[in-house]
């Protein structure tokens, strides 16, 4: 069985040790391949061993966790990132979403939470690998298909995903925004769009829309005096209660708590 490689980044030895303890990593399909005590050291290790998942603390000297995340996503977009933090800093959370961070863990370390996150990320990684294996197998069976045709097909896939992202951005305020509607606008099957969207972006369609809605809502909170339900409507969530639930799920704090911190 192929083990999923994990890198732990924290300037405190005890914190790194706590993450490793309490979980039978190998039995769950993982291996801790390396540890790093700084962002700079982490980037060197990543270049050498290419981990699938990186756990990183936010507060580190010289290069903090967010700067490390930015560097990782620029060079290794497939790597999954989980941020570890001892406090709820929502400016960090907002920036982290923009850097493509996959999840957050609040200190003190909770091993059940860590394992749950890892298993979810493992499922995403394996699903993407299965897609690639299927794609490569399909290419092998298409005898006589030249390189030009293959390149055109990949290019077309990229165009569809980019068009979908543009339509999502343009229609983010609509409550009717959905995978089915976007697929219809692009004249493709919704299952096919869902599959290639996740392959190209690393995120499923629904999560991508919700993250964009929450990011937009933060912009309204910071730049306007609109009430919460009005902001919800502007980002396509007309149910104020559901909007509050989604906001807290992705940011970790209620809308009122977030506004007090501005």
C-alpha atoms as a PDB file:
ATOM      1  CA  UNK A   1       0.000   0.000   0.000  1.00  0.00           C
ATOM      2  CA  UNK A   2       1.342   3.413  -0.985  1.00  0.00           C
ATOM      3  CA  UNK A   3       1.645   5.613   2.097  1.00  0.00           C
ATOM      4  CA  UNK A   4       0.705   9.301   1.965  1.00  0.00           C
ATOM      5  CA  UNK A   5       3.764  11.406   2.839  1.00  0.00           C
ATOM      6  CA  UNK A   6       3.380  14.076   5.542  1.00  0.00           C
ATOM      7  CA  UNK A   7       5.741  16.918   6.497  1.00  0.00           C
ATOM      8  CA  UNK A   8       5.380  18.686   9.870  1.00  0.00           C
ATOM      9  CA  UNK A   9       6.613  22.283  10.148  1.00  0.00           C
ATOM     10  CA  UNK A  10       6.853  23.988  13.554  1.00  0.00           C
ATOM     11  CA  UNK A  11       9.651  25.868  15.268  1.00  0.00           C
ATOM     12  CA  UNK A  12       8.814  24.108  18.558  1.00  0.00           C
ATOM     13  CA  UNK A  13      10.077  20.527  18.909  1.00  0.00           C
ATOM     14  CA  UNK A  14       7.388  19.651  21.465  1.00  0.00           C
ATOM     15  CA  UNK A  15       4.575  20.692  19.117  1.00  0.00           C
ATOM     16  CA  UNK A  16       6.016  18.570  16.309  1.00  0.00           C
ATOM     17  CA  UNK A  17       6.268  15.619  18.666  1.00  0.00           C
ATOM     18  CA  UNK A  18       2.671  16.063  19.873  1.00  0.00           C
ATOM     19  CA  UNK A  19       1.399  15.870  16.305  1.00  0.00           C
ATOM     20  CA  UNK A  20       3.271  12.603  15.724  1.00  0.00           C
ATOM     21  CA  UNK A  21       2.094  11.020  18.974  1.00  0.00           C
ATOM     22  CA  UNK A  22      -1.285   9.436  19.530  1.00  0.00           C
ATOM     23  CA  UNK A  23      -1.929   8.319  15.940  1.00  0.00           C
ATOM     24  CA  UNK A  24      -0.940   5.065  14.254  1.00  0.00           C
ATOM     25  CA  UNK A  25       0.040   6.807  11.046  1.00  0.00           C
ATOM     26  CA  UNK A  26       1.088   3.735   9.071  1.00  0.00           C
ATOM     27  CA  UNK A  27      -2.086   1.813   9.926  1.00  0.00           C
ATOM     28  CA  UNK A  28      -4.091   4.703   8.505  1.00  0.00           C
ATOM     29  CA  UNK A  29      -2.046   4.936   5.313  1.00  0.00           C
ATOM     30  CA  UNK A  30       0.388   7.750   6.190  1.00  0.00           C
ATOM     31  CA  UNK A  31       4.041   8.273   6.996  1.00  0.00           C
ATOM     32  CA  UNK A  32       5.732  11.257   8.634  1.00  0.00           C
ATOM     33  CA  UNK A  33       8.661  11.588   6.262  1.00  0.00           C
ATOM     34  CA  UNK A  34      10.306  14.683   7.701  1.00  0.00           C
ATOM     35  CA  UNK A  35      10.103  17.515  10.235  1.00  0.00           C
ATOM     36  CA  UNK A  36      11.170  21.123   9.753  1.00  0.00           C
ATOM     37  CA  UNK A  37      11.665  23.868  12.334  1.00  0.00           C
ATOM     38  CA  UNK A  38      11.349  26.766   9.879  1.00  0.00           C
ATOM     39  CA  UNK A  39       9.706  27.735   6.611  1.00  0.00           C
ATOM     40  CA  UNK A  40      13.055  27.881   4.843  1.00  0.00           C
ATOM     41  CA  UNK A  41      13.973  24.354   5.918  1.00  0.00           C
ATOM     42  CA  UNK A  42      10.501  23.137   4.931  1.00  0.00           C
ATOM     43  CA  UNK A  43      10.879  24.406   1.356  1.00  0.00           C
ATOM     44  CA  UNK A  44      14.206  22.578   1.003  1.00  0.00           C
ATOM     45  CA  UNK A  45      12.640  19.336   2.245  1.00  0.00           C
ATOM     46  CA  UNK A  46       9.586  19.745   0.002  1.00  0.00           C
ATOM     47  CA  UNK A  47      11.844  20.144  -3.028  1.00  0.00           C
ATOM     48  CA  UNK A  48      13.605  16.870  -2.182  1.00  0.00           C
ATOM     49  CA  UNK A  49      10.838  14.546  -0.986  1.00  0.00           C
ATOM     50  CA  UNK A  50       7.568  16.033  -2.366  1.00  0.00           C
ATOM     51  CA  UNK A  51       5.157  15.367   0.537  1.00  0.00           C
ATOM     52  CA  UNK A  52       1.433  15.114  -0.195  1.00  0.00           C
ATOM     53  CA  UNK A  53       0.376  16.911   3.005  1.00  0.00           C
ATOM     54  CA  UNK A  54       2.085  19.689   4.989  1.00  0.00           C
ATOM     55  CA  UNK A  55       1.136  20.614   8.548  1.00  0.00           C
ATOM     56  CA  UNK A  56       2.512  24.051   9.415  1.00  0.00           C
ATOM     57  CA  UNK A  57       2.328  26.377  12.382  1.00  0.00           C
ATOM     58  CA  UNK A  58       1.414  29.998  11.602  1.00  0.00           C
ATOM     59  CA  UNK A  59       3.719  31.746  14.059  1.00  0.00           C
ATOM     60  CA  UNK A  60       7.337  31.046  13.158  1.00  0.00           C
ATOM     61  CA  UNK A  61      10.359  33.377  12.926  1.00  0.00           C
ATOM     62  CA  UNK A  62      11.759  34.666   9.602  1.00  0.00           C
ATOM     63  CA  UNK A  63       9.138  33.012   7.357  1.00  0.00           C
ATOM     64  CA  UNK A  64       5.721  32.582   8.956  1.00  0.00           C
ATOM     65  CA  UNK A  65       3.238  29.855   8.078  1.00  0.00           C
ATOM     66  CA  UNK A  66       1.264  31.968   5.617  1.00  0.00           C
ATOM     67  CA  UNK A  67       4.358  32.954   3.661  1.00  0.00           C
ATOM     68  CA  UNK A  68       5.293  29.268   3.551  1.00  0.00           C
ATOM     69  CA  UNK A  69       1.784  28.438   2.266  1.00  0.00           C
ATOM     70  CA  UNK A  70       2.099  31.042  -0.477  1.00  0.00           C
ATOM     71  CA  UNK A  71       5.450  29.599  -1.563  1.00  0.00           C
ATOM     72  CA  UNK A  72       4.127  26.033  -1.549  1.00  0.00           C
ATOM     73  CA  UNK A  73       1.034  26.839  -3.623  1.00  0.00           C
ATOM     74  CA  UNK A  74       3.078  28.809  -6.159  1.00  0.00           C
ATOM     75  CA  UNK A  75       5.513  25.942  -6.757  1.00  0.00           C
ATOM     76  CA  UNK A  76       3.634  22.788  -5.708  1.00  0.00           C
ATOM     77  CA  UNK A  77      -0.095  23.411  -6.169  1.00  0.00           C
ATOM     78  CA  UNK A  78      -1.037  19.761  -5.546  1.00  0.00           C
ATOM     79  CA  UNK A  79       0.298  19.714  -1.974  1.00  0.00           C
ATOM     80  CA  UNK A  80      -2.427  19.792   0.686  1.00  0.00           C
ATOM     81  CA  UNK A  81      -1.827  22.297   3.497  1.00  0.00           C
ATOM     82  CA  UNK A  82      -3.179  22.249   7.057  1.00  0.00           C
ATOM     83  CA  UNK A  83      -2.471  25.273   9.265  1.00  0.00           C
ATOM     84  CA  UNK A  84      -1.903  24.861  13.003  1.00  0.00           C
ATOM     85  CA  UNK A  85      -2.532  27.911  15.165  1.00  0.00           C
ATOM     86  CA  UNK A  86      -2.850  28.742  18.837  1.00  0.00           C
ATOM     87  CA  UNK A  87      -5.245  31.634  18.339  1.00  0.00           C
ATOM     88  CA  UNK A  88      -8.183  32.650  16.162  1.00  0.00           C
ATOM     89  CA  UNK A  89      -6.727  35.347  13.931  1.00  0.00           C
ATOM     90  CA  UNK A  90      -9.233  35.977  11.167  1.00  0.00           C
ATOM     91  CA  UNK A  91      -7.059  38.166   9.006  1.00  0.00           C
ATOM     92  CA  UNK A  92      -4.811  35.111   8.815  1.00  0.00           C
ATOM     93  CA  UNK A  93      -7.826  32.909   8.064  1.00  0.00           C
ATOM     94  CA  UNK A  94      -8.954  35.157   5.222  1.00  0.00           C
ATOM     95  CA  UNK A  95      -5.477  35.244   3.676  1.00  0.00           C
ATOM     96  CA  UNK A  96      -5.056  31.499   4.160  1.00  0.00           C
ATOM     97  CA  UNK A  97      -8.230  30.791   2.161  1.00  0.00           C
ATOM     98  CA  UNK A  98      -6.733  32.842  -0.653  1.00  0.00           C
ATOM     99  CA  UNK A  99      -3.553  30.759  -0.522  1.00  0.00           C
ATOM    100  CA  UNK A 100      -5.539  27.541  -0.941  1.00  0.00           C
ATOM    101  CA  UNK A 101      -5.109  26.194   2.598  1.00  0.00           C
ATOM    102  CA  UNK A 102      -7.170  23.029   2.977  1.00  0.00           C
ATOM    103  CA  UNK A 103      -7.949  23.111   6.699  1.00  0.00           C
ATOM    104  CA  UNK A 104      -7.138  24.596  10.120  1.00  0.00           C
ATOM    105  CA  UNK A 105      -6.340  23.036  13.490  1.00  0.00           C
ATOM    106  CA  UNK A 106      -6.506  25.045  16.712  1.00  0.00           C
ATOM    107  CA  UNK A 107      -4.089  24.288  19.517  1.00  0.00           C
ATOM    108  CA  UNK A 108      -4.076  22.394  21.829  1.00  0.00           C
ATOM    109  CA  UNK A 109      -3.587  19.494  19.427  1.00  0.00           C
ATOM    110  CA  UNK A 110      -6.573  17.166  19.026  1.00  0.00           C
ATOM    111  CA  UNK A 111      -5.492  13.862  17.485  1.00  0.00           C
ATOM    112  CA  UNK A 112      -9.022  12.850  16.453  1.00  0.00           C
ATOM    113  CA  UNK A 113      -9.348  16.126  14.547  1.00  0.00           C
ATOM    114  CA  UNK A 114      -5.936  15.644  12.909  1.00  0.00           C
ATOM    115  CA  UNK A 115      -6.741  12.095  11.814  1.00  0.00           C
ATOM    116  CA  UNK A 116     -10.145  13.106  10.449  1.00  0.00           C
ATOM    117  CA  UNK A 117      -8.577  15.878   8.370  1.00  0.00           C
ATOM    118  CA  UNK A 118      -5.841  13.546   7.112  1.00  0.00           C
ATOM    119  CA  UNK A 119      -8.323  10.859   6.079  1.00  0.00           C
ATOM    120  CA  UNK A 120     -10.406  13.431   4.185  1.00  0.00           C
ATOM    121  CA  UNK A 121      -7.314  14.713   2.388  1.00  0.00           C
ATOM    122  CA  UNK A 122      -6.207  11.147   1.675  1.00  0.00           C
ATOM    123  CA  UNK A 123      -9.563  10.465   0.003  1.00  0.00           C
ATOM    124  CA  UNK A 124      -9.111  13.563  -2.191  1.00  0.00           C
ATOM    125  CA  UNK A 125      -5.556  12.563  -3.101  1.00  0.00           C
ATOM    126  CA  UNK A 126      -6.566   8.997  -3.967  1.00  0.00           C
ATOM    127  CA  UNK A 127      -9.545  10.190  -6.006  1.00  0.00           C
ATOM    128  CA  UNK A 128      -7.326  12.488  -8.035  1.00  0.00           C
ATOM    129  CA  UNK A 129      -4.757   9.712  -8.529  1.00  0.00           C
ATOM    130  CA  UNK A 130      -7.499   7.344  -9.695  1.00  0.00           C
ATOM    131  CA  UNK A 131      -8.627   9.958 -12.195  1.00  0.00           C
ATOM    132  CA  UNK A 132      -5.065  10.346 -13.493  1.00  0.00           C
ATOM    133  CA  UNK A 133      -4.597   6.573 -13.695  1.00  0.00           C
ATOM    134  CA  UNK A 134      -7.858   6.249 -15.610  1.00  0.00           C
ATOM    135  CA  UNK A 135      -6.889   9.108 -17.899  1.00  0.00           C
ATOM    136  CA  UNK A 136      -3.458   7.593 -18.612  1.00  0.00           C
ATOM    137  CA  UNK A 137      -4.981   4.168 -19.204  1.00  0.00           C
ATOM    138  CA  UNK A 138      -7.444   5.690 -21.641  1.00  0.00           C
ATOM    139  CA  UNK A 139      -4.615   7.398 -23.518  1.00  0.00           C
ATOM    140  CA  UNK A 140      -2.737   4.096 -23.792  1.00  0.00           C
ATOM    141  CA  UNK A 141      -5.740   2.384 -25.378  1.00  0.00           C
ATOM    142  CA  UNK A 142      -6.266   5.085 -27.979  1.00  0.00           C
ATOM    143  CA  UNK A 143      -3.725   3.725 -30.432  1.00  0.00           C
ATOM    144  CA  UNK A 144      -2.787   6.208 -33.106  1.00  0.00           C
ATOM    145  CA  UNK A 145      -3.934   9.283 -31.166  1.00  0.00           C
ATOM    146  CA  UNK A 146      -1.190  11.801 -31.848  1.00  0.00           C
ATOM    147  CA  UNK A 147       0.306  14.301 -29.410  1.00  0.00           C
ATOM    148  CA  UNK A 148      -1.465  17.258 -30.987  1.00  0.00           C
ATOM    149  CA  UNK A 149      -4.896  15.754 -30.312  1.00  0.00           C
ATOM    150  CA  UNK A 150      -3.950  14.975 -26.719  1.00  0.00           C
ATOM    151  CA  UNK A 151      -2.728  18.517 -26.182  1.00  0.00           C
ATOM    152  CA  UNK A 152      -5.928  19.965 -27.622  1.00  0.00           C
ATOM    153  CA  UNK A 153      -8.002  17.788 -25.298  1.00  0.00           C
ATOM    154  CA  UNK A 154      -6.106  18.917 -22.189  1.00  0.00           C
ATOM    155  CA  UNK A 155      -6.331  22.528 -23.356  1.00  0.00           C
ATOM    156  CA  UNK A 156     -10.082  22.151 -23.829  1.00  0.00           C
ATOM    157  CA  UNK A 157     -10.423  20.803 -20.297  1.00  0.00           C
ATOM    158  CA  UNK A 158      -8.569  23.820 -18.918  1.00  0.00           C
ATOM    159  CA  UNK A 159     -10.797  26.158 -20.927  1.00  0.00           C
ATOM    160  CA  UNK A 160     -13.960  24.553 -19.556  1.00  0.00           C
ATOM    161  CA  UNK A 161     -12.775  24.886 -15.949  1.00  0.00           C
ATOM    162  CA  UNK A 162     -11.665  28.494 -16.427  1.00  0.00           C
ATOM    163  CA  UNK A 163     -15.017  29.312 -18.046  1.00  0.00           C
ATOM    164  CA  UNK A 164     -16.806  27.677 -15.113  1.00  0.00           C
ATOM    165  CA  UNK A 165     -14.795  29.771 -12.638  1.00  0.00           C
ATOM    166  CA  UNK A 166     -15.649  32.932 -14.567  1.00  0.00           C
ATOM    167  CA  UNK A 167     -19.371  32.079 -14.566  1.00  0.00           C
ATOM    168  CA  UNK A 168     -19.224  31.370 -10.831  1.00  0.00           C
ATOM    169  CA  UNK A 169     -17.613  34.768 -10.211  1.00  0.00           C
ATOM    170  CA  UNK A 170     -20.206  36.551 -12.364  1.00  0.00           C
ATOM    171  CA  UNK A 171     -23.165  34.778 -10.742  1.00  0.00           C
ATOM    172  CA  UNK A 172     -21.985  34.495  -7.131  1.00  0.00           C
ATOM    173  CA  UNK A 173     -24.944  36.601  -5.933  1.00  0.00           C
ATOM    174  CA  UNK A 174     -27.474  34.189  -7.442  1.00  0.00           C
ATOM    175  CA  UNK A 175     -29.186  31.640  -5.205  1.00  0.00           C
ATOM    176  CA  UNK A 176     -29.629  29.505  -8.333  1.00  0.00           C
ATOM    177  CA  UNK A 177     -25.878  29.077  -8.819  1.00  0.00           C
ATOM    178  CA  UNK A 178     -25.186  25.339  -8.999  1.00  0.00           C
ATOM    179  CA  UNK A 179     -23.118  22.680 -10.728  1.00  0.00           C
ATOM    180  CA  UNK A 180     -26.097  21.730 -12.899  1.00  0.00           C
ATOM    181  CA  UNK A 181     -26.721  25.306 -14.046  1.00  0.00           C
ATOM    182  CA  UNK A 182     -23.070  26.037 -14.830  1.00  0.00           C
ATOM    183  CA  UNK A 183     -22.734  22.733 -16.711  1.00  0.00           C
ATOM    184  CA  UNK A 184     -25.808  23.618 -18.782  1.00  0.00           C
ATOM    185  CA  UNK A 185     -24.332  27.026 -19.625  1.00  0.00           C
ATOM    186  CA  UNK A 186     -21.144  25.310 -20.819  1.00  0.00           C
ATOM    187  CA  UNK A 187     -23.003  22.520 -22.684  1.00  0.00           C
ATOM    188  CA  UNK A 188     -21.258  19.747 -20.755  1.00  0.00           C
ATOM    189  CA  UNK A 189     -22.411  16.921 -18.508  1.00  0.00           C
ATOM    190  CA  UNK A 190     -22.542  17.966 -14.822  1.00  0.00           C
ATOM    191  CA  UNK A 191     -20.683  14.824 -13.663  1.00  0.00           C
ATOM    192  CA  UNK A 192     -17.931  15.495 -16.188  1.00  0.00           C
ATOM    193  CA  UNK A 193     -17.659  19.139 -15.089  1.00  0.00           C
ATOM    194  CA  UNK A 194     -17.498  18.089 -11.434  1.00  0.00           C
ATOM    195  CA  UNK A 195     -14.692  15.623 -12.171  1.00  0.00           C
ATOM    196  CA  UNK A 196     -12.498  17.919 -14.276  1.00  0.00           C
ATOM    197  CA  UNK A 197     -13.123  20.884 -11.964  1.00  0.00           C
ATOM    198  CA  UNK A 198     -11.765  18.961  -8.984  1.00  0.00           C
ATOM    199  CA  UNK A 199      -8.896  17.610 -11.056  1.00  0.00           C
ATOM    200  CA  UNK A 200      -7.849  21.091 -12.203  1.00  0.00           C
ATOM    201  CA  UNK A 201      -8.459  23.056  -8.967  1.00  0.00           C
ATOM    202  CA  UNK A 202      -7.997  20.459  -6.228  1.00  0.00           C
ATOM    203  CA  UNK A 203     -11.389  21.457  -4.782  1.00  0.00           C
ATOM    204  CA  UNK A 204     -14.863  20.120  -5.317  1.00  0.00           C
ATOM    205  CA  UNK A 205     -17.342  22.429  -7.033  1.00  0.00           C
ATOM    206  CA  UNK A 206     -19.543  23.159  -4.006  1.00  0.00           C
ATOM    207  CA  UNK A 207     -16.606  23.987  -1.711  1.00  0.00           C
ATOM    208  CA  UNK A 208     -15.139  26.315  -4.317  1.00  0.00           C
ATOM    209  CA  UNK A 209     -18.395  28.278  -4.555  1.00  0.00           C
ATOM    210  CA  UNK A 210     -18.825  28.458  -0.785  1.00  0.00           C
ATOM    211  CA  UNK A 211     -15.252  29.642  -0.196  1.00  0.00           C
ATOM    212  CA  UNK A 212     -15.743  32.364  -2.798  1.00  0.00           C
ATOM    213  CA  UNK A 213     -19.025  33.393  -1.167  1.00  0.00           C
ATOM    214  CA  UNK A 214     -17.396  33.639   2.253  1.00  0.00           C
ATOM    215  CA  UNK A 215     -14.451  35.603   0.824  1.00  0.00           C
ATOM    216  CA  UNK A 216     -16.903  38.023  -0.834  1.00  0.00           C
ATOM    217  CA  UNK A 217     -18.888  38.350   2.397  1.00  0.00           C
ATOM    218  CA  UNK A 218     -15.710  39.325   4.262  1.00  0.00           C
ATOM    219  CA  UNK A 219     -15.131  42.077   1.696  1.00  0.00           C
ATOM    220  CA  UNK A 220     -18.647  43.400   2.343  1.00  0.00           C
ATOM    221  CA  UNK A 221     -18.153  43.216   6.116  1.00  0.00           C
ATOM    222  CA  UNK A 222     -14.962  45.248   5.862  1.00  0.00           C
ATOM    223  CA  UNK A 223     -16.104  47.725   3.219  1.00  0.00           C
ATOM    224  CA  UNK A 224     -19.794  48.369   3.918  1.00  0.00           C
ATOM    225  CA  UNK A 225     -22.314  48.810   6.725  1.00  0.00           C
ATOM    226  CA  UNK A 226     -24.666  46.182   5.338  1.00  0.00           C
ATOM    227  CA  UNK A 227     -26.426  43.883   7.779  1.00  0.00           C
ATOM    228  CA  UNK A 228     -25.556  40.199   7.841  1.00  0.00           C
ATOM    229  CA  UNK A 229     -28.702  39.067   6.022  1.00  0.00           C
ATOM    230  CA  UNK A 230     -28.114  41.700   3.316  1.00  0.00           C
ATOM    231  CA  UNK A 231     -24.573  40.453   2.800  1.00  0.00           C
ATOM    232  CA  UNK A 232     -25.870  36.887   2.643  1.00  0.00           C
ATOM    233  CA  UNK A 233     -28.236  37.866  -0.156  1.00  0.00           C
ATOM    234  CA  UNK A 234     -25.433  39.613  -2.042  1.00  0.00           C
ATOM    235  CA  UNK A 235     -23.332  36.438  -2.009  1.00  0.00           C
ATOM    236  CA  UNK A 236     -26.198  34.136  -2.984  1.00  0.00           C
ATOM    237  CA  UNK A 237     -27.258  32.825   0.443  1.00  0.00           C
ATOM    238  CA  UNK A 238     -30.751  34.164   1.127  1.00  0.00           C
ATOM    239  CA  UNK A 239     -31.279  32.191   4.338  1.00  0.00           C
ATOM    240  CA  UNK A 240     -29.662  34.325   7.065  1.00  0.00           C
ATOM    241  CA  UNK A 241     -29.355  31.412   9.501  1.00  0.00           C
ATOM    242  CA  UNK A 242     -27.661  29.185   6.932  1.00  0.00           C
ATOM    243  CA  UNK A 243     -25.345  32.046   5.990  1.00  0.00           C
ATOM    244  CA  UNK A 244     -24.302  32.400   9.650  1.00  0.00           C
ATOM    245  CA  UNK A 245     -23.616  28.665   9.886  1.00  0.00           C
ATOM    246  CA  UNK A 246     -21.511  28.662   6.708  1.00  0.00           C
ATOM    247  CA  UNK A 247     -19.564  31.741   7.796  1.00  0.00           C
ATOM    248  CA  UNK A 248     -18.652  30.216  11.153  1.00  0.00           C
ATOM    249  CA  UNK A 249     -17.743  26.887   9.547  1.00  0.00           C
ATOM    250  CA  UNK A 250     -15.233  28.461   7.157  1.00  0.00           C
ATOM    251  CA  UNK A 251     -13.915  31.313   9.335  1.00  0.00           C
ATOM    252  CA  UNK A 252     -14.263  29.790  12.795  1.00  0.00           C
ATOM    253  CA  UNK A 253     -16.139  32.705  14.319  1.00  0.00           C
ATOM    254  CA  UNK A 254     -19.650  34.148  14.113  1.00  0.00           C
ATOM    255  CA  UNK A 255     -20.326  37.174  11.910  1.00  0.00           C
ATOM    256  CA  UNK A 256     -20.827  39.445  14.930  1.00  0.00           C
ATOM    257  CA  UNK A 257     -17.633  38.203  16.559  1.00  0.00           C
ATOM    258  CA  UNK A 258     -15.741  38.813  13.343  1.00  0.00           C
ATOM    259  CA  UNK A 259     -17.157  42.346  12.979  1.00  0.00           C
ATOM    260  CA  UNK A 260     -16.063  43.193  16.529  1.00  0.00           C
ATOM    261  CA  UNK A 261     -12.505  42.319  15.578  1.00  0.00           C
ATOM    262  CA  UNK A 262     -12.410  44.693  12.603  1.00  0.00           C
END
